[in-house]
C-alpha atoms as a PDB file:
ATOM      1  CA  MET A   1     -18.623  12.817 -29.520  1.00  0.00           C
ATOM      2  CA  LYS A   2     -18.811   9.259 -28.177  1.00  0.00           C
ATOM      3  CA  LYS A   3     -15.050   9.143 -27.636  1.00  0.00           C
ATOM      4  CA  LEU A   4     -15.153  12.479 -25.836  1.00  0.00           C
ATOM      5  CA  MET A   5     -17.826  11.166 -23.472  1.00  0.00           C
ATOM      6  CA  ILE A   6     -15.816   8.012 -22.760  1.00  0.00           C
ATOM      7  CA  TYR A   7     -12.655  10.038 -22.130  1.00  0.00           C
ATOM      8  CA  SER A   8     -14.596  12.345 -19.809  1.00  0.00           C
ATOM      9  CA  VAL A   9     -15.949   9.351 -17.869  1.00  0.00           C
ATOM     10  CA  LEU A  10     -12.448   7.883 -17.609  1.00  0.00           C
ATOM     11  CA  SER A  11     -11.111  11.201 -16.311  1.00  0.00           C
ATOM     12  CA  VAL A  12     -13.872  11.382 -13.686  1.00  0.00           C
ATOM     13  CA  VAL A  13     -13.217   7.785 -12.625  1.00  0.00           C
ATOM     14  CA  LEU A  14      -9.512   8.585 -12.312  1.00  0.00           C
ATOM     15  CA  GLY A  15     -10.342  11.595 -10.158  1.00  0.00           C
ATOM     16  CA  PHE A  16     -12.502   9.499  -7.840  1.00  0.00           C
ATOM     17  CA  MET A  17      -9.695   6.932  -7.641  1.00  0.00           C
ATOM     18  CA  VAL A  18      -7.380   9.640  -6.328  1.00  0.00           C
ATOM     19  CA  PHE A  19     -10.069  10.753  -3.859  1.00  0.00           C
ATOM     20  CA  PHE A  20     -10.770   7.298  -2.419  1.00  0.00           C
ATOM     21  CA  GLY A  21      -7.082   6.379  -2.481  1.00  0.00           C
ATOM     22  CA  ALA A  22      -6.298   9.459  -0.394  1.00  0.00           C
ATOM     23  CA  LYS A  23      -9.138   8.580   1.992  1.00  0.00           C
ATOM     24  CA  ALA A  24      -7.859   5.012   2.348  1.00  0.00           C
ATOM     25  CA  TYR A  25      -4.343   6.293   3.021  1.00  0.00           C
ATOM     26  CA  THR A  26      -5.586   8.739   5.683  1.00  0.00           C
ATOM     27  CA  GLN A  27      -7.614   6.062   7.486  1.00  0.00           C
ATOM     28  CA  ALA A  28      -4.782   3.510   7.227  1.00  0.00           C
ATOM     29  CA  LYS A  29      -2.425   6.010   8.870  1.00  0.00           C
ATOM     30  CA  LEU A  30      -5.033   6.716  11.564  1.00  0.00           C
ATOM     31  CA  TYR A  31      -5.352   2.976  12.191  1.00  0.00           C
ATOM     32  CA  GLU A  32      -1.573   2.767  12.468  1.00  0.00           C
ATOM     33  CA  GLU A  33      -1.469   5.685  14.928  1.00  0.00           C
ATOM     34  CA  THR A  34      -4.247   4.350  17.165  1.00  0.00           C
ATOM     35  CA  THR A  35      -2.695   0.871  17.173  1.00  0.00           C
ATOM     36  CA  THR A  36       0.651   2.388  18.139  1.00  0.00           C
ATOM     37  CA  GLU A  37      -1.082   4.246  20.966  1.00  0.00           C
ATOM     38  CA  LEU A  38      -2.727   1.041  22.187  1.00  0.00           C
ATOM     39  CA  VAL A  39       0.572  -0.828  22.043  1.00  0.00           C
ATOM     40  CA  SER A  40       2.171   1.869  24.215  1.00  0.00           C
ATOM     41  CA  TYR A  41      -0.163   0.743  27.009  1.00  0.00           C
ATOM     42  CA  GLN A  42       1.266  -2.781  26.844  1.00  0.00           C
ATOM     43  CA  ASP A  43       4.826  -2.218  27.964  1.00  0.00           C
ATOM     44  CA  ALA A  44       5.966  -3.491  31.365  1.00  0.00           C
ATOM     45  CA  GLY A  45       5.427  -0.200  33.205  1.00  0.00           C
ATOM     46  CA  GLN A  46       1.933   0.387  31.842  1.00  0.00           C
ATOM     47  CA  GLN A  47       0.910  -3.201  32.504  1.00  0.00           C
ATOM     48  CA  ALA A  48       2.082  -2.920  36.106  1.00  0.00           C
ATOM     49  CA  SER A  49       0.001   0.232  36.471  1.00  0.00           C
ATOM     50  CA  LEU A  50      -2.974  -1.525  34.903  1.00  0.00           C
ATOM     51  CA  GLN A  51      -2.688  -4.432  37.343  1.00  0.00           C
ATOM     52  CA  LEU A  52      -2.665  -1.976  40.271  1.00  0.00           C
ATOM     53  CA  GLU A  53      -5.767  -0.278  38.927  1.00  0.00           C
ATOM     54  CA  LYS A  54      -7.513  -3.632  38.615  1.00  0.00           C
ATOM     55  CA  PHE A  55      -6.580  -4.416  42.210  1.00  0.00           C
ATOM     56  CA  ALA A  56      -7.975  -1.048  43.345  1.00  0.00           C
ATOM     57  CA  LYS A  57     -11.141  -1.733  41.366  1.00  0.00           C
ATOM     58  CA  ARG A  58     -11.629  -5.044  43.187  1.00  0.00           C
ATOM     59  CA  LEU A  59     -11.149  -3.361  46.554  1.00  0.00           C
ATOM     60  CA  LEU A  60     -13.274  -0.258  46.003  1.00  0.00           C
ATOM     61  CA  GLY A  61     -15.789  -1.600  43.507  1.00  0.00           C
ATOM     62  CA  ASP A  62     -17.962   1.080  41.899  1.00  0.00           C
ATOM     63  CA  LEU A  63     -16.295   3.796  44.006  1.00  0.00           C
ATOM     64  CA  TYR A  64     -13.200   3.520  41.817  1.00  0.00           C
ATOM     65  CA  GLU A  65     -13.322   4.981  38.329  1.00  0.00           C
ATOM     66  CA  ASP A  66     -10.988   3.128  35.967  1.00  0.00           C
ATOM     67  CA  ALA A  67      -9.841   6.091  33.865  1.00  0.00           C
ATOM     68  CA  GLN A  68      -7.280   4.049  31.930  1.00  0.00           C
ATOM     69  CA  LYS A  69      -9.854   1.479  30.859  1.00  0.00           C
ATOM     70  CA  ILE A  70     -12.211   4.236  29.692  1.00  0.00           C
ATOM     71  CA  ASN A  71      -9.416   5.810  27.659  1.00  0.00           C
ATOM     72  CA  LEU A  72      -8.412   2.439  26.171  1.00  0.00           C
ATOM     73  CA  ASP A  73     -11.991   1.736  25.145  1.00  0.00           C
ATOM     74  CA  LYS A  74     -12.141   5.075  23.332  1.00  0.00           C
ATOM     75  CA  ILE A  75      -8.883   4.361  21.500  1.00  0.00           C
ATOM     76  CA  ARG A  76     -10.058   0.864  20.533  1.00  0.00           C
ATOM     77  CA  ALA A  77     -13.316   2.267  19.146  1.00  0.00           C
ATOM     78  CA  LYS A  78     -11.355   4.820  17.122  1.00  0.00           C
ATOM     79  CA  GLN A  79      -8.969   2.102  15.926  1.00  0.00           C
ATOM     80  CA  GLU A  80     -11.776  -0.188  14.799  1.00  0.00           C
ATOM     81  CA  ALA A  81     -13.572   2.624  12.960  1.00  0.00           C
ATOM     82  CA  ALA A  82     -10.339   3.597  11.159  1.00  0.00           C
ATOM     83  CA  MET A  83      -9.694  -0.020  10.136  1.00  0.00           C
ATOM     84  CA  HIS A  84     -13.173  -0.469   8.653  1.00  0.00           C
ATOM     85  CA  LYS A  85     -13.039   2.863   6.829  1.00  0.00           C
ATOM     86  CA  ALA A  86      -9.589   2.080   5.393  1.00  0.00           C
ATOM     87  CA  GLN A  87     -10.887  -1.257   4.093  1.00  0.00           C
ATOM     88  CA  GLU A  88     -14.034   0.378   2.727  1.00  0.00           C
ATOM     89  CA  TYR A  89     -12.201   3.146   0.857  1.00  0.00           C
ATOM     90  CA  THR A  90      -9.639   0.663  -0.487  1.00  0.00           C
ATOM     91  CA  LEU A  91     -12.480  -1.480  -1.807  1.00  0.00           C
ATOM     92  CA  TYR A  92     -14.084   1.546  -3.491  1.00  0.00           C
ATOM     93  CA  PHE A  93     -10.718   2.324  -5.092  1.00  0.00           C
ATOM     94  CA  MET A  94     -10.422  -1.224  -6.452  1.00  0.00           C
ATOM     95  CA  TYR A  95     -13.964  -1.102  -7.848  1.00  0.00           C
ATOM     96  CA  LEU A  96     -13.138   2.132  -9.663  1.00  0.00           C
ATOM     97  CA  LEU A  97      -9.868   0.675 -10.931  1.00  0.00           C
ATOM     98  CA  ALA A  98     -11.740  -2.336 -12.330  1.00  0.00           C
ATOM     99  CA  ALA A  99     -14.298   0.015 -13.918  1.00  0.00           C
ATOM    100  CA  MET A 100     -11.463   2.040 -15.457  1.00  0.00           C
ATOM    101  CA  LEU A 101      -9.984  -1.074 -17.054  1.00  0.00           C
ATOM    102  CA  LEU A 102     -13.375  -2.285 -18.325  1.00  0.00           C
ATOM    103  CA  ILE A 103     -14.282   1.075 -19.862  1.00  0.00           C
ATOM    104  CA  SER A 104     -10.851   1.318 -21.466  1.00  0.00           C
ATOM    105  CA  PHE A 105     -11.593  -1.805 -23.510  1.00  0.00           C
ATOM    106  CA  PHE A 106     -14.098   0.268 -25.504  1.00  0.00           C
ATOM    107  CA  VAL A 107     -11.458   2.758 -26.653  1.00  0.00           C
ATOM    108  CA  SER A 108      -8.322   2.535 -28.770  1.00  0.00           C
ATOM    109  CA  LEU A 109      -5.137   0.825 -27.636  1.00  0.00           C
ATOM    110  CA  ARG A 110      -3.527   4.240 -27.318  1.00  0.00           C
ATOM    111  CA  ALA A 111      -6.262   5.535 -25.009  1.00  0.00           C
ATOM    112  CA  PHE A 112      -6.186   2.310 -23.008  1.00  0.00           C
ATOM    113  CA  THR A 113      -2.419   2.640 -22.599  1.00  0.00           C
ATOM    114  CA  LEU A 114      -2.708   6.290 -21.566  1.00  0.00           C
ATOM    115  CA  PHE A 115      -5.476   5.927 -18.989  1.00  0.00           C
ATOM    116  CA  GLY A 116      -4.155   2.553 -17.846  1.00  0.00           C
ATOM    117  CA  SER A 117      -0.730   4.097 -17.243  1.00  0.00           C
ATOM    118  CA  LEU A 118      -2.251   6.960 -15.253  1.00  0.00           C
ATOM    119  CA  SER A 119      -4.236   4.445 -13.190  1.00  0.00           C
ATOM    120  CA  ALA A 120      -1.099   2.382 -12.614  1.00  0.00           C
ATOM    121  CA  MET A 121       0.799   5.491 -11.492  1.00  0.00           C
ATOM    122  CA  VAL A 122      -1.926   6.481  -9.006  1.00  0.00           C
ATOM    123  CA  THR A 123      -2.119   2.930  -7.661  1.00  0.00           C
ATOM    124  CA  LEU A 124       1.662   2.710  -7.355  1.00  0.00           C
ATOM    125  CA  VAL A 125       1.912   5.979  -5.416  1.00  0.00           C
ATOM    126  CA  PHE A 126      -0.630   4.821  -2.831  1.00  0.00           C
ATOM    127  CA  GLY A 127       1.036   1.410  -2.718  1.00  0.00           C
ATOM    128  CA  LEU A 128       4.362   3.013  -1.841  1.00  0.00           C
ATOM    129  CA  ILE A 129       3.173   5.458   0.837  1.00  0.00           C
ATOM    130  CA  THR A 130       0.380   3.486   2.540  1.00  0.00           C
ATOM    131  CA  PRO A 131       1.319   1.099   5.393  1.00  0.00           C
ATOM    132  CA  VAL A 132       1.921  -2.432   4.075  1.00  0.00           C
ATOM    133  CA  LEU A 133       2.344  -4.679   7.095  1.00  0.00           C
ATOM    134  CA  MET A 134       1.854  -4.447  10.853  1.00  0.00           C
ATOM    135  CA  VAL A 135       3.825  -6.890  12.995  1.00  0.00           C
ATOM    136  CA  THR A 136       3.396  -7.224  16.766  1.00  0.00           C
ATOM    137  CA  ILE A 137       5.553  -9.490  18.924  1.00  0.00           C
ATOM    138  CA  HIS A 138       4.473 -10.016  22.510  1.00  0.00           C
ATOM    139  CA  LYS A 139       5.070 -12.336  25.429  1.00  0.00           C
ATOM    140  CA  GLU A 140       3.019 -13.412  28.408  1.00  0.00           C
ATOM    141  CA  VAL A 141       4.790 -12.338  31.617  1.00  0.00           C
ATOM    142  CA  GLU A 142       3.764 -13.664  35.023  1.00  0.00           C
ATOM    143  CA  TYR A 143       1.880 -11.128  37.190  1.00  0.00           C
ATOM    144  CA  LEU A 144       2.035  -8.483  34.442  1.00  0.00           C
ATOM    145  CA  GLY A 145       0.130 -10.207  31.665  1.00  0.00           C
ATOM    146  CA  ASP A 146       0.605  -9.609  27.938  1.00  0.00           C
ATOM    147  CA  ILE A 147       3.712  -7.477  27.266  1.00  0.00           C
ATOM    148  CA  VAL A 148       4.504  -6.140  23.778  1.00  0.00           C
ATOM    149  CA  LEU A 149       8.166  -6.711  22.950  1.00  0.00           C
ATOM    150  CA  SER A 150       8.194  -5.234  19.465  1.00  0.00           C
ATOM    151  CA  PHE A 151       5.805  -3.405  17.165  1.00  0.00           C
ATOM    152  CA  GLU A 152       6.349  -2.376  13.559  1.00  0.00           C
ATOM    153  CA  SER A 153       4.035  -0.833  10.978  1.00  0.00           C
ATOM    154  CA  LYS A 154       5.644   0.482   7.832  1.00  0.00           C
ATOM    155  CA  GLY A 155       5.018   1.165   4.182  1.00  0.00           C
ATOM    156  CA  VAL A 156       7.540   0.495   1.425  1.00  0.00           C
ATOM    157  CA  ILE A 157       9.104   3.969   1.545  1.00  0.00           C
ATOM    158  CA  GLY A 158       9.230   4.054   5.343  1.00  0.00           C
ATOM    159  CA  SER A 159      10.802   0.611   5.494  1.00  0.00           C
ATOM    160  CA  ILE A 160      13.474   1.526   2.953  1.00  0.00           C
ATOM    161  CA  ALA A 161      14.410   4.537   5.071  1.00  0.00           C
ATOM    162  CA  LYS A 162      14.506   2.442   8.257  1.00  0.00           C
ATOM    163  CA  LEU A 163      16.619  -0.284   6.649  1.00  0.00           C
ATOM    164  CA  TYR A 164      19.090   2.330   5.447  1.00  0.00           C
ATOM    165  CA  GLU A 165      19.267   3.998   8.862  1.00  0.00           C
ATOM    166  CA  SER A 166      19.764   0.649  10.617  1.00  0.00           C
ATOM    167  CA  GLY A 167      22.740  -0.215   8.383  1.00  0.00           C
ATOM    168  CA  ASP A 168      21.037  -2.684   6.017  1.00  0.00           C
ATOM    169  CA  VAL A 169      22.089  -0.609   3.021  1.00  0.00           C
ATOM    170  CA  ILE A 170      22.144  -3.448   0.473  1.00  0.00           C
ATOM    171  CA  VAL A 171      18.632  -4.609   1.348  1.00  0.00           C
ATOM    172  CA  ALA A 172      17.417  -0.993   1.241  1.00  0.00           C
ATOM    173  CA  ILE A 173      18.979  -0.421  -2.195  1.00  0.00           C
ATOM    174  CA  VAL A 174      17.515  -3.642  -3.619  1.00  0.00           C
ATOM    175  CA  ILE A 175      13.996  -2.786  -2.426  1.00  0.00           C
ATOM    176  CA  LEU A 176      14.391   0.827  -3.618  1.00  0.00           C
ATOM    177  CA  LEU A 177      15.558  -0.330  -7.048  1.00  0.00           C
ATOM    178  CA  PHE A 178      12.904  -2.941  -7.726  1.00  0.00           C
ATOM    179  CA  SER A 179       9.954  -1.562  -5.735  1.00  0.00           C
ATOM    180  CA  VAL A 180      10.302   2.159  -6.466  1.00  0.00           C
ATOM    181  CA  VAL A 181      12.720   3.031  -9.277  1.00  0.00           C
ATOM    182  CA  THR A 182      11.819   0.208 -11.689  1.00  0.00           C
ATOM    183  CA  PRO A 183       8.012   0.600 -11.355  1.00  0.00           C
ATOM    184  CA  VAL A 184       8.239   4.398 -11.761  1.00  0.00           C
ATOM    185  CA  LEU A 185      10.425   4.077 -14.861  1.00  0.00           C
ATOM    186  CA  LYS A 186       8.108   1.433 -16.235  1.00  0.00           C
ATOM    187  CA  VAL A 187       4.963   3.542 -15.836  1.00  0.00           C
ATOM    188  CA  PHE A 188       6.736   6.647 -17.135  1.00  0.00           C
ATOM    189  CA  SER A 189       7.852   4.786 -20.264  1.00  0.00           C
ATOM    190  CA  LEU A 190       4.263   3.635 -20.862  1.00  0.00           C
ATOM    191  CA  LEU A 191       3.006   7.211 -20.565  1.00  0.00           C
ATOM    192  CA  VAL A 192       5.677   8.495 -22.965  1.00  0.00           C
ATOM    193  CA  VAL A 193       4.869   5.796 -25.503  1.00  0.00           C
ATOM    194  CA  SER A 194       1.117   6.502 -25.364  1.00  0.00           C
ATOM    195  CA  VAL A 195       1.561  10.268 -25.802  1.00  0.00           C
ATOM    196  CA  PHE A 196       4.368  10.270 -28.394  1.00  0.00           C
ATOM    197  CA  MET A 197       3.444   7.091 -30.246  1.00  0.00           C
ATOM    198  CA  GLU A 198       4.125   8.473 -33.731  1.00  0.00           C
ATOM    199  CA  SER A 199       7.495  10.045 -32.924  1.00  0.00           C
ATOM    200  CA  ASN A 200      10.826   8.393 -33.589  1.00  0.00           C
ATOM    201  CA  PHE A 201      11.652   8.915 -29.925  1.00  0.00           C
ATOM    202  CA  ALA A 202       8.751   6.677 -28.877  1.00  0.00           C
ATOM    203  CA  HIS A 203       9.907   3.874 -31.140  1.00  0.00           C
ATOM    204  CA  GLY A 204      13.459   4.428 -29.957  1.00  0.00           C
ATOM    205  CA  ILE A 205      12.512   3.442 -26.405  1.00  0.00           C
ATOM    206  CA  VAL A 206      10.668   0.265 -27.404  1.00  0.00           C
ATOM    207  CA  LYS A 207      13.715  -1.817 -26.556  1.00  0.00           C
ATOM    208  CA  PHE A 208      13.994  -0.149 -23.164  1.00  0.00           C
ATOM    209  CA  PHE A 209      10.262  -0.556 -22.598  1.00  0.00           C
ATOM    210  CA  LYS A 210      10.443  -4.309 -23.268  1.00  0.00           C
ATOM    211  CA  MET A 211      13.466  -4.639 -21.014  1.00  0.00           C
ATOM    212  CA  ILE A 212      11.567  -2.966 -18.151  1.00  0.00           C
ATOM    213  CA  GLY A 213       8.601  -5.235 -18.866  1.00  0.00           C
ATOM    214  CA  LYS A 214      10.726  -8.277 -18.075  1.00  0.00           C
ATOM    215  CA  TRP A 215      10.894  -7.139 -14.467  1.00  0.00           C
ATOM    216  CA  SER A 216       7.115  -7.206 -13.916  1.00  0.00           C
ATOM    217  CA  MET A 217       7.121 -10.262 -11.664  1.00  0.00           C
ATOM    218  CA  VAL A 218      10.130  -8.964  -9.749  1.00  0.00           C
ATOM    219  CA  ASP A 219       7.727  -6.456  -8.177  1.00  0.00           C
ATOM    220  CA  VAL A 220       5.768  -9.340  -6.647  1.00  0.00           C
ATOM    221  CA  PHE A 221       8.954 -11.124  -5.624  1.00  0.00           C
ATOM    222  CA  VAL A 222      10.331  -8.048  -3.873  1.00  0.00           C
ATOM    223  CA  VAL A 223       7.074  -7.563  -1.944  1.00  0.00           C
ATOM    224  CA  ALA A 224       7.259 -11.202  -0.787  1.00  0.00           C
ATOM    225  CA  VAL A 225      10.909 -10.826   0.273  1.00  0.00           C
ATOM    226  CA  PHE A 226      10.079  -7.523   1.922  1.00  0.00           C
ATOM    227  CA  LEU A 227       7.346  -9.099   4.047  1.00  0.00           C
ATOM    228  CA  VAL A 228       9.493 -12.078   5.006  1.00  0.00           C
ATOM    229  CA  TYR A 229      12.325  -9.743   5.982  1.00  0.00           C
ATOM    230  CA  LEU A 230      10.073  -7.650   8.222  1.00  0.00           C
ATOM    231  CA  THR A 231       8.569 -10.670   9.950  1.00  0.00           C
ATOM    232  CA  ALA A 232      11.907 -12.369  10.569  1.00  0.00           C
ATOM    233  CA  ASN A 233      12.637 -12.164  14.287  1.00  0.00           C
ATOM    234  CA  LYS A 234      14.158 -14.330  16.996  1.00  0.00           C
ATOM    235  CA  GLY A 235      10.957 -14.138  18.998  1.00  0.00           C
ATOM    236  CA  ASP A 236       7.572 -15.507  18.081  1.00  0.00           C
ATOM    237  CA  VAL A 237       5.488 -13.383  15.743  1.00  0.00           C
ATOM    238  CA  SER A 238       2.243 -13.000  17.609  1.00  0.00           C
ATOM    239  CA  ARG A 239       0.417 -11.149  14.880  1.00  0.00           C
ATOM    240  CA  ALA A 240       1.218 -10.102  11.321  1.00  0.00           C
ATOM    241  CA  GLU A 241      -1.523  -7.993   9.771  1.00  0.00           C
ATOM    242  CA  VAL A 242      -1.585  -7.069   6.084  1.00  0.00           C
ATOM    243  CA  GLU A 243      -2.582  -3.439   5.497  1.00  0.00           C
ATOM    244  CA  ALA A 244      -4.033  -1.508   2.559  1.00  0.00           C
ATOM    245  CA  GLY A 245      -0.655  -0.641   1.016  1.00  0.00           C
ATOM    246  CA  LEU A 246      -0.027  -4.225  -0.054  1.00  0.00           C
ATOM    247  CA  TYR A 247      -3.328  -4.383  -1.950  1.00  0.00           C
ATOM    248  CA  PHE A 248      -2.502  -1.124  -3.742  1.00  0.00           C
ATOM    249  CA  PHE A 249       0.932  -2.402  -4.693  1.00  0.00           C
ATOM    250  CA  LEU A 250      -0.311  -5.769  -5.953  1.00  0.00           C
ATOM    251  CA  ALA A 251      -3.085  -4.013  -7.912  1.00  0.00           C
ATOM    252  CA  TYR A 252      -0.401  -1.891  -9.556  1.00  0.00           C
ATOM    253  CA  VAL A 253       1.490  -5.008 -10.647  1.00  0.00           C
ATOM    254  CA  ILE A 254      -1.621  -6.456 -12.332  1.00  0.00           C
ATOM    255  CA  VAL A 255      -2.589  -3.175 -14.023  1.00  0.00           C
ATOM    256  CA  SER A 256       0.941  -2.489 -15.240  1.00  0.00           C
ATOM    257  CA  MET A 257       1.114  -5.948 -16.822  1.00  0.00           C
ATOM    258  CA  LEU A 258      -2.140  -5.339 -18.718  1.00  0.00           C
ATOM    259  CA  VAL A 259      -1.000  -1.901 -19.861  1.00  0.00           C
ATOM    260  CA  SER A 260       2.358  -3.340 -20.941  1.00  0.00           C
ATOM    261  CA  LEU A 261       0.588  -5.801 -23.227  1.00  0.00           C
ATOM    262  CA  SER A 262      -1.570  -2.987 -24.621  1.00  0.00           C
ATOM    263  CA  ALA A 263       1.439  -0.755 -25.273  1.00  0.00           C
ATOM    264  CA  ASP A 264       3.319  -3.569 -26.975  1.00  0.00           C
ATOM    265  CA  LYS A 265       0.368  -4.245 -29.308  1.00  0.00           C
ATOM    266  CA  MET A 266      -0.041  -0.525 -29.980  1.00  0.00           C
ATOM    267  CA  LEU A 267       3.595  -0.064 -30.944  1.00  0.00           C
ATOM    268  CA  SER A 268       3.576  -3.179 -33.121  1.00  0.00           C
ATOM    269  CA  ALA A 269       0.437  -2.026 -34.950  1.00  0.00           C
ATOM    270  CA  ASN A 270       1.837   1.468 -35.430  1.00  0.00           C
ATOM    271  CA  LYS A 271       5.109   0.058 -36.760  1.00  0.00           C
ATOM    272  CA  ASN A 272       3.259  -2.051 -39.297  1.00  0.00           C
ATOM    273  CA  VAL A 273       1.360   1.014 -40.490  1.00  0.00           C
ATOM    274  CA  TYR A 274       4.601   2.827 -41.212  1.00  0.00           C
END
């Protein structure tokens, strides 16, 4: 009865993780969209228009209604609200993830591996689809003011697609292999081991499971390379802002390492029994 209650609580926590993860993703995308809209007002043409409107405002005073400024203020308010909500929902997700790991310590290694693997899978999915980094490059131009030269905001999946389309096939394949394929295979192997622990098939993939485990830190390395690659530019990087996707991805790396240790102990104990 006690185990059933714990498993029920873990299932509920997992459900709320999916809920808050989806909320964080939605708000992160909204933040990305509103920022993109704001950036569109900072090209040369828009800045020239803005300077003319400022000149008209100085001439006419209160008789002139600055419609563009009013619209920009609305977009900025929407952007700021989306940013705070994305951070808030991401924080709730991380609290639930920590609670999931703490509760799992009160169950068997098999249950810990199962629920830990499911948590890792959920965290990985949001880490792959949620925006990771936002980079804005701008330059101060005389008479026009601050002009945005380049703006990028991408998640892991979106960046892989863009790299492939732009001809950087090797870089795209490397990131796809170590940031998508390897983590998915790793989590899937952990799930298989936890469900079919007693079967010969489960013990037959132990070698493969340990081989995948050796690539745990490669996930972190690839994220670091990925960020450096995105921020590399001939111009000056005016602003590089880390987004929620990176926190999801790094959380996955930590959780998957803990679950890997649990699965290894579980398989070793089960082998000794037989």
